[in-house]
Amino acid sequence: MSKKSTSSAARHSLTIRSKVKLNRILQITNNSLKIEINDQGTITGRYTGTQLSTIDQTTNQDGTSSWSGKFMQMTNKGDIIVATGSGSGEPPTSKGIVKITGEGEMWTQSTRLANLNGARWTAKKPEDPRLYEMG
């Protein structure tokens, strides 16, 4: 998102850069591994701030995965946005980076961001594999 865009999607996009803080193994079978991932990151775009999330991910033998998550975002202006969602992931790169896609819903008590209540969000594969975009 280094270029300015006048499209509606660009005005509403967020870029979230997260790092895993904790993994917890929930279940192991001969075909899959289910883990809980807790991460923390920064948000830029429509608003700036931080995000905490908890993701339940099931990884298959081929490296593909499915996930569901809960998210809490705090803007630099003190607003709190919560969200839920689910999606899928590609096998990790040699650096351990997973490109994800997904969708979900968000809510806030912020009057400034009230239009986000019940809004749908989508995560798409970014051009830069170190990031994932939500918008």
N, C-alpha and C. Protein backbone atom coordinates (compact mmCIF):
# COMPACT_ATOMS: atom_id res chain seq x y z
N MET A 1 0.82 -1.18 0.00
CA MET A 1 0.00 0.00 0.00
C MET A 1 0.86 1.24 0.00
N SER A 2 1.89 1.27 -0.81
CA SER A 2 2.75 2.43 -0.84
C SER A 2 2.21 3.52 -1.74
N LYS A 3 1.29 3.19 -2.63
CA LYS A 3 0.71 4.18 -3.53
C LYS A 3 -0.64 4.63 -3.00
N LYS A 4 -0.93 5.93 -3.19
CA LYS A 4 -2.24 6.42 -2.81
C LYS A 4 -3.24 6.00 -3.87
N SER A 5 -4.43 5.65 -3.42
CA SER A 5 -5.47 5.23 -4.34
C SER A 5 -6.76 5.92 -3.96
N THR A 6 -7.57 6.25 -4.93
CA THR A 6 -8.84 6.90 -4.63
C THR A 6 -9.98 5.90 -4.62
N SER A 7 -9.70 4.63 -4.81
CA SER A 7 -10.77 3.64 -4.82
C SER A 7 -11.31 3.44 -3.42
N SER A 8 -12.56 3.03 -3.35
CA SER A 8 -13.21 2.79 -2.06
C SER A 8 -12.49 1.70 -1.28
N ALA A 9 -12.06 0.66 -1.96
CA ALA A 9 -11.38 -0.45 -1.28
C ALA A 9 -10.09 0.04 -0.63
N ALA A 10 -9.34 0.89 -1.31
CA ALA A 10 -8.08 1.38 -0.75
C ALA A 10 -8.34 2.27 0.46
N ARG A 11 -9.40 3.07 0.44
CA ARG A 11 -9.72 3.94 1.57
C ARG A 11 -10.12 3.15 2.80
N HIS A 12 -10.61 1.95 2.62
CA HIS A 12 -11.09 1.15 3.73
C HIS A 12 -10.14 0.01 4.09
N SER A 13 -9.00 -0.07 3.44
CA SER A 13 -8.07 -1.19 3.66
C SER A 13 -7.22 -0.99 4.91
N LEU A 14 -6.86 -2.10 5.50
CA LEU A 14 -5.91 -2.13 6.61
C LEU A 14 -4.78 -3.07 6.23
N THR A 15 -3.59 -2.75 6.66
CA THR A 15 -2.47 -3.68 6.57
C THR A 15 -2.07 -4.02 7.99
N ILE A 16 -2.02 -5.31 8.28
CA ILE A 16 -1.71 -5.78 9.63
C ILE A 16 -0.43 -6.62 9.55
N ARG A 17 0.54 -6.23 10.33
CA ARG A 17 1.80 -6.98 10.41
C ARG A 17 1.85 -7.60 11.79
N SER A 18 1.77 -8.91 11.85
CA SER A 18 1.70 -9.60 13.13
C SER A 18 2.86 -10.56 13.33
N LYS A 19 3.21 -10.76 14.59
CA LYS A 19 4.21 -11.76 14.97
C LYS A 19 3.59 -12.67 16.00
N VAL A 20 3.86 -13.95 15.85
CA VAL A 20 3.34 -14.95 16.78
C VAL A 20 4.04 -14.77 18.12
N LYS A 21 3.26 -14.72 19.18
CA LYS A 21 3.79 -14.60 20.54
C LYS A 21 3.74 -15.92 21.29
N LEU A 22 2.78 -16.78 20.94
CA LEU A 22 2.63 -18.05 21.65
C LEU A 22 1.89 -19.05 20.76
N ASN A 23 2.36 -20.29 20.71
CA ASN A 23 1.67 -21.40 20.06
C ASN A 23 1.33 -22.43 21.12
N ARG A 24 0.18 -23.07 20.94
CA ARG A 24 -0.22 -24.14 21.85
C ARG A 24 -0.79 -25.27 21.02
N ILE A 25 -0.26 -26.48 21.19
CA ILE A 25 -0.76 -27.65 20.46
C ILE A 25 -2.05 -28.11 21.12
N LEU A 26 -3.12 -28.21 20.31
CA LEU A 26 -4.41 -28.63 20.84
C LEU A 26 -4.73 -30.08 20.53
N GLN A 27 -4.32 -30.55 19.34
CA GLN A 27 -4.66 -31.91 18.94
C GLN A 27 -3.72 -32.37 17.84
N ILE A 28 -3.35 -33.64 17.90
CA ILE A 28 -2.52 -34.24 16.85
C ILE A 28 -3.20 -35.52 16.39
N THR A 29 -3.34 -35.66 15.06
CA THR A 29 -3.84 -36.91 14.48
C THR A 29 -2.83 -37.34 13.42
N ASN A 30 -3.06 -38.47 12.80
CA ASN A 30 -2.13 -38.92 11.75
C ASN A 30 -2.26 -38.08 10.48
N ASN A 31 -3.31 -37.27 10.36
CA ASN A 31 -3.52 -36.45 9.16
C ASN A 31 -3.38 -34.95 9.38
N SER A 32 -3.43 -34.50 10.64
CA SER A 32 -3.44 -33.05 10.86
C SER A 32 -2.93 -32.68 12.25
N LEU A 33 -2.70 -31.39 12.40
CA LEU A 33 -2.24 -30.81 13.65
C LEU A 33 -3.09 -29.59 13.91
N LYS A 34 -3.70 -29.52 15.10
CA LYS A 34 -4.49 -28.36 15.46
C LYS A 34 -3.73 -27.57 16.52
N ILE A 35 -3.51 -26.26 16.24
CA ILE A 35 -2.79 -25.42 17.18
C ILE A 35 -3.56 -24.14 17.44
N GLU A 36 -3.25 -23.53 18.56
CA GLU A 36 -3.76 -22.20 18.89
C GLU A 36 -2.59 -21.24 18.75
N ILE A 37 -2.82 -20.15 18.03
CA ILE A 37 -1.78 -19.16 17.79
C ILE A 37 -2.24 -17.84 18.40
N ASN A 38 -1.40 -17.25 19.23
CA ASN A 38 -1.67 -15.92 19.76
C ASN A 38 -0.63 -14.99 19.16
N ASP A 39 -1.11 -13.93 18.49
CA ASP A 39 -0.16 -13.00 17.89
C ASP A 39 -0.52 -11.57 18.23
N GLN A 40 0.42 -10.70 17.93
CA GLN A 40 0.27 -9.28 18.19
C GLN A 40 0.90 -8.54 17.03
N GLY A 41 0.29 -7.42 16.64
CA GLY A 41 0.84 -6.69 15.51
C GLY A 41 0.38 -5.25 15.43
N THR A 42 0.83 -4.61 14.36
CA THR A 42 0.50 -3.21 14.12
C THR A 42 -0.47 -3.11 12.95
N ILE A 43 -1.28 -2.05 12.99
CA ILE A 43 -2.27 -1.79 11.95
C ILE A 43 -1.96 -0.45 11.32
N THR A 44 -1.99 -0.39 9.99
CA THR A 44 -1.92 0.87 9.26
C THR A 44 -3.00 0.85 8.20
N GLY A 45 -3.39 2.02 7.73
CA GLY A 45 -4.42 2.12 6.71
C GLY A 45 -5.51 3.07 7.14
N ARG A 46 -6.74 2.61 7.07
CA ARG A 46 -7.89 3.45 7.44
C ARG A 46 -7.72 4.03 8.84
N TYR A 47 -7.16 3.24 9.75
CA TYR A 47 -6.79 3.71 11.07
C TYR A 47 -5.49 3.02 11.45
N THR A 48 -4.81 3.55 12.46
CA THR A 48 -3.57 2.95 12.92
C THR A 48 -3.75 2.48 14.36
N GLY A 49 -2.99 1.47 14.73
CA GLY A 49 -3.07 0.96 16.09
C GLY A 49 -2.40 -0.39 16.20
N THR A 50 -2.94 -1.21 17.11
CA THR A 50 -2.38 -2.53 17.35
C THR A 50 -3.50 -3.57 17.31
N GLN A 51 -3.12 -4.81 17.10
CA GLN A 51 -4.07 -5.92 17.08
C GLN A 51 -3.53 -7.08 17.91
N LEU A 52 -4.43 -7.69 18.67
CA LEU A 52 -4.17 -8.95 19.34
C LEU A 52 -5.12 -9.97 18.73
N SER A 53 -4.67 -11.19 18.54
CA SER A 53 -5.57 -12.20 18.00
C SER A 53 -5.25 -13.58 18.54
N THR A 54 -6.29 -14.40 18.55
CA THR A 54 -6.17 -15.82 18.88
C THR A 54 -6.75 -16.60 17.71
N ILE A 55 -5.94 -17.45 17.12
CA ILE A 55 -6.32 -18.21 15.93
C ILE A 55 -6.27 -19.70 16.27
N ASP A 56 -7.33 -20.42 15.96
CA ASP A 56 -7.31 -21.88 15.99
C ASP A 56 -7.07 -22.35 14.57
N GLN A 57 -5.97 -23.05 14.35
CA GLN A 57 -5.58 -23.46 13.00
C GLN A 57 -5.40 -24.97 12.94
N THR A 58 -5.97 -25.56 11.89
CA THR A 58 -5.75 -26.98 11.61
C THR A 58 -4.90 -27.07 10.36
N THR A 59 -3.73 -27.70 10.48
CA THR A 59 -2.80 -27.84 9.36
C THR A 59 -2.82 -29.28 8.88
N ASN A 60 -2.96 -29.44 7.58
CA ASN A 60 -2.99 -30.77 6.96
C ASN A 60 -1.58 -31.21 6.60
N GLN A 61 -1.43 -32.50 6.24
CA GLN A 61 -0.12 -33.04 5.90
C GLN A 61 0.54 -32.30 4.74
N ASP A 62 -0.26 -31.78 3.79
CA ASP A 62 0.32 -31.07 2.65
C ASP A 62 0.68 -29.62 2.95
N GLY A 63 0.46 -29.17 4.19
CA GLY A 63 0.81 -27.81 4.57
C GLY A 63 -0.32 -26.81 4.45
N THR A 64 -1.40 -27.18 3.76
CA THR A 64 -2.55 -26.28 3.69
C THR A 64 -3.22 -26.24 5.06
N SER A 65 -4.01 -25.21 5.30
CA SER A 65 -4.63 -25.09 6.61
C SER A 65 -5.99 -24.41 6.53
N SER A 66 -6.76 -24.58 7.59
CA SER A 66 -7.99 -23.83 7.78
C SER A 66 -7.87 -23.18 9.16
N TRP A 67 -8.53 -22.04 9.34
CA TRP A 67 -8.39 -21.32 10.60
C TRP A 67 -9.68 -20.59 10.95
N SER A 68 -9.83 -20.31 12.23
CA SER A 68 -10.88 -19.42 12.71
C SER A 68 -10.24 -18.58 13.81
N GLY A 69 -10.69 -17.32 13.92
CA GLY A 69 -10.01 -16.45 14.86
C GLY A 69 -10.89 -15.41 15.50
N LYS A 70 -10.34 -14.87 16.58
CA LYS A 70 -10.94 -13.76 17.30
C LYS A 70 -9.89 -12.65 17.36
N PHE A 71 -10.32 -11.42 17.12
CA PHE A 71 -9.38 -10.31 17.00
C PHE A 71 -9.84 -9.13 17.84
N MET A 72 -8.89 -8.40 18.43
CA MET A 72 -9.17 -7.16 19.12
C MET A 72 -8.17 -6.13 18.62
N GLN A 73 -8.70 -5.04 18.09
CA GLN A 73 -7.86 -3.96 17.59
C GLN A 73 -8.05 -2.73 18.46
N MET A 74 -6.96 -2.03 18.74
CA MET A 74 -7.00 -0.78 19.48
C MET A 74 -6.36 0.30 18.63
N THR A 75 -7.14 1.33 18.30
CA THR A 75 -6.59 2.39 17.46
C THR A 75 -5.76 3.35 18.31
N ASN A 76 -4.95 4.14 17.63
CA ASN A 76 -4.14 5.14 18.32
C ASN A 76 -5.00 6.24 18.94
N LYS A 77 -6.29 6.29 18.58
CA LYS A 77 -7.21 7.29 19.15
C LYS A 77 -8.05 6.69 20.28
N GLY A 78 -7.75 5.45 20.67
CA GLY A 78 -8.42 4.83 21.80
C GLY A 78 -9.66 4.02 21.47
N ASP A 79 -9.98 3.85 20.21
CA ASP A 79 -11.14 3.04 19.82
C ASP A 79 -10.79 1.56 19.90
N ILE A 80 -11.76 0.73 20.24
CA ILE A 80 -11.57 -0.72 20.26
C ILE A 80 -12.54 -1.35 19.27
N ILE A 81 -12.01 -2.21 18.42
CA ILE A 81 -12.79 -2.94 17.43
C ILE A 81 -12.55 -4.42 17.71
N VAL A 82 -13.62 -5.21 17.73
CA VAL A 82 -13.48 -6.66 17.88
C VAL A 82 -14.00 -7.31 16.61
N ALA A 83 -13.49 -8.48 16.30
CA ALA A 83 -13.88 -9.17 15.07
C ALA A 83 -13.71 -10.67 15.24
N THR A 84 -14.44 -11.40 14.42
CA THR A 84 -14.27 -12.84 14.30
C THR A 84 -14.13 -13.16 12.82
N GLY A 85 -13.58 -14.32 12.51
CA GLY A 85 -13.46 -14.70 11.11
C GLY A 85 -12.90 -16.09 10.94
N SER A 86 -12.86 -16.52 9.69
CA SER A 86 -12.31 -17.83 9.36
C SER A 86 -11.82 -17.82 7.92
N GLY A 87 -10.99 -18.80 7.59
CA GLY A 87 -10.47 -18.88 6.23
C GLY A 87 -9.53 -20.04 6.05
N SER A 88 -8.60 -19.88 5.09
CA SER A 88 -7.66 -20.94 4.77
C SER A 88 -6.28 -20.35 4.53
N GLY A 89 -5.28 -21.23 4.52
CA GLY A 89 -3.91 -20.81 4.30
C GLY A 89 -3.19 -21.75 3.36
N GLU A 90 -2.21 -21.20 2.66
CA GLU A 90 -1.35 -22.00 1.79
C GLU A 90 -0.25 -22.63 2.63
N PRO A 91 0.48 -23.58 2.08
CA PRO A 91 1.64 -24.12 2.81
C PRO A 91 2.63 -22.99 3.10
N PRO A 92 3.36 -23.06 4.22
CA PRO A 92 4.31 -22.00 4.55
C PRO A 92 5.48 -21.96 3.57
N THR A 93 6.04 -20.75 3.41
CA THR A 93 7.24 -20.58 2.60
C THR A 93 8.44 -21.13 3.36
N SER A 94 9.60 -21.11 2.73
CA SER A 94 10.82 -21.59 3.40
C SER A 94 11.15 -20.75 4.63
N LYS A 95 10.60 -19.53 4.71
CA LYS A 95 10.82 -18.67 5.88
C LYS A 95 9.71 -18.82 6.91
N GLY A 96 8.78 -19.75 6.67
CA GLY A 96 7.71 -19.99 7.62
C GLY A 96 6.53 -19.03 7.51
N ILE A 97 6.44 -18.30 6.42
CA ILE A 97 5.37 -17.33 6.21
C ILE A 97 4.21 -18.00 5.50
N VAL A 98 2.99 -17.83 6.04
CA VAL A 98 1.79 -18.43 5.46
C VAL A 98 0.93 -17.32 4.88
N LYS A 99 0.56 -17.45 3.61
CA LYS A 99 -0.38 -16.52 2.98
C LYS A 99 -1.79 -17.03 3.27
N ILE A 100 -2.64 -16.12 3.76
CA ILE A 100 -3.99 -16.53 4.15
C ILE A 100 -5.06 -15.79 3.34
N THR A 101 -6.23 -16.38 3.30
CA THR A 101 -7.43 -15.72 2.83
C THR A 101 -8.51 -16.00 3.86
N GLY A 102 -9.51 -15.13 3.93
CA GLY A 102 -10.58 -15.35 4.89
C GLY A 102 -11.57 -14.21 4.90
N GLU A 103 -12.56 -14.34 5.77
CA GLU A 103 -13.57 -13.29 5.92
C GLU A 103 -14.18 -13.38 7.30
N GLY A 104 -14.85 -12.30 7.69
CA GLY A 104 -15.47 -12.28 9.01
C GLY A 104 -16.31 -11.03 9.21
N GLU A 105 -16.60 -10.76 10.48
CA GLU A 105 -17.46 -9.64 10.84
C GLU A 105 -16.83 -8.88 12.00
N MET A 106 -17.12 -7.57 12.10
CA MET A 106 -16.52 -6.75 13.15
C MET A 106 -17.56 -5.88 13.84
N TRP A 107 -17.20 -5.43 15.07
CA TRP A 107 -18.07 -4.58 15.87
C TRP A 107 -17.23 -3.61 16.68
N THR A 108 -17.82 -2.47 17.04
CA THR A 108 -17.16 -1.49 17.89
C THR A 108 -18.19 -0.68 18.66
N GLN A 109 -17.79 -0.13 19.80
CA GLN A 109 -18.64 0.79 20.54
C GLN A 109 -18.25 2.23 20.22
N SER A 110 -17.26 2.40 19.37
CA SER A 110 -16.79 3.72 18.98
C SER A 110 -17.83 4.43 18.12
N THR A 111 -18.19 5.65 18.49
CA THR A 111 -19.11 6.42 17.64
C THR A 111 -18.41 6.85 16.36
N ARG A 112 -17.11 7.12 16.44
CA ARG A 112 -16.34 7.54 15.27
C ARG A 112 -16.29 6.45 14.20
N LEU A 113 -16.26 5.19 14.63
CA LEU A 113 -16.16 4.05 13.69
C LEU A 113 -17.43 3.20 13.68
N ALA A 114 -18.57 3.80 14.06
CA ALA A 114 -19.83 3.05 14.18
C ALA A 114 -20.23 2.33 12.90
N ASN A 115 -19.80 2.84 11.75
CA ASN A 115 -20.14 2.17 10.48
C ASN A 115 -19.50 0.79 10.35
N LEU A 116 -18.57 0.44 11.24
CA LEU A 116 -17.96 -0.89 11.21
C LEU A 116 -18.82 -1.94 11.88
N ASN A 117 -19.84 -1.53 12.65
CA ASN A 117 -20.68 -2.51 13.36
C ASN A 117 -21.39 -3.42 12.37
N GLY A 118 -21.11 -4.70 12.49
CA GLY A 118 -21.70 -5.69 11.60
C GLY A 118 -21.07 -5.73 10.22
N ALA A 119 -20.04 -4.91 9.99
CA ALA A 119 -19.40 -4.87 8.67
C ALA A 119 -18.64 -6.16 8.42
N ARG A 120 -18.63 -6.61 7.19
CA ARG A 120 -17.87 -7.77 6.77
C ARG A 120 -16.46 -7.33 6.40
N TRP A 121 -15.48 -8.16 6.69
CA TRP A 121 -14.12 -7.91 6.26
C TRP A 121 -13.62 -9.12 5.48
N THR A 122 -12.64 -8.90 4.64
CA THR A 122 -12.01 -9.98 3.89
C THR A 122 -10.50 -9.84 3.99
N ALA A 123 -9.83 -10.96 4.04
CA ALA A 123 -8.36 -10.99 4.02
C ALA A 123 -7.98 -11.62 2.70
N LYS A 124 -7.05 -10.98 2.02
CA LYS A 124 -6.62 -11.50 0.73
C LYS A 124 -5.11 -11.67 0.72
N LYS A 125 -4.63 -12.48 -0.20
CA LYS A 125 -3.19 -12.69 -0.34
C LYS A 125 -2.57 -11.39 -0.84
N PRO A 126 -1.56 -10.88 -0.17
CA PRO A 126 -0.92 -9.64 -0.62
C PRO A 126 0.17 -9.90 -1.64
N GLU A 127 0.59 -8.83 -2.28
CA GLU A 127 1.72 -8.93 -3.20
C GLU A 127 3.01 -9.17 -2.41
N ASP A 128 3.11 -8.57 -1.24
CA ASP A 128 4.28 -8.74 -0.38
C ASP A 128 4.00 -9.91 0.56
N PRO A 129 4.69 -11.04 0.45
CA PRO A 129 4.37 -12.22 1.25
C PRO A 129 4.62 -12.04 2.75
N ARG A 130 5.22 -10.93 3.17
CA ARG A 130 5.42 -10.70 4.60
C ARG A 130 4.19 -10.10 5.26
N LEU A 131 3.19 -9.73 4.47
CA LEU A 131 2.02 -9.05 4.98
C LEU A 131 0.76 -9.77 4.60
N TYR A 132 -0.31 -9.52 5.31
CA TYR A 132 -1.62 -9.84 4.80
C TYR A 132 -2.49 -8.63 4.99
N GLU A 133 -3.37 -8.40 4.05
CA GLU A 133 -4.20 -7.22 4.06
C GLU A 133 -5.60 -7.55 4.44
N MET A 134 -6.22 -6.66 5.17
CA MET A 134 -7.63 -6.81 5.51
C MET A 134 -8.33 -5.55 5.05
N GLY A 135 -9.40 -5.70 4.36
CA GLY A 135 -10.10 -4.51 3.91
C GLY A 135 -11.38 -4.86 3.22
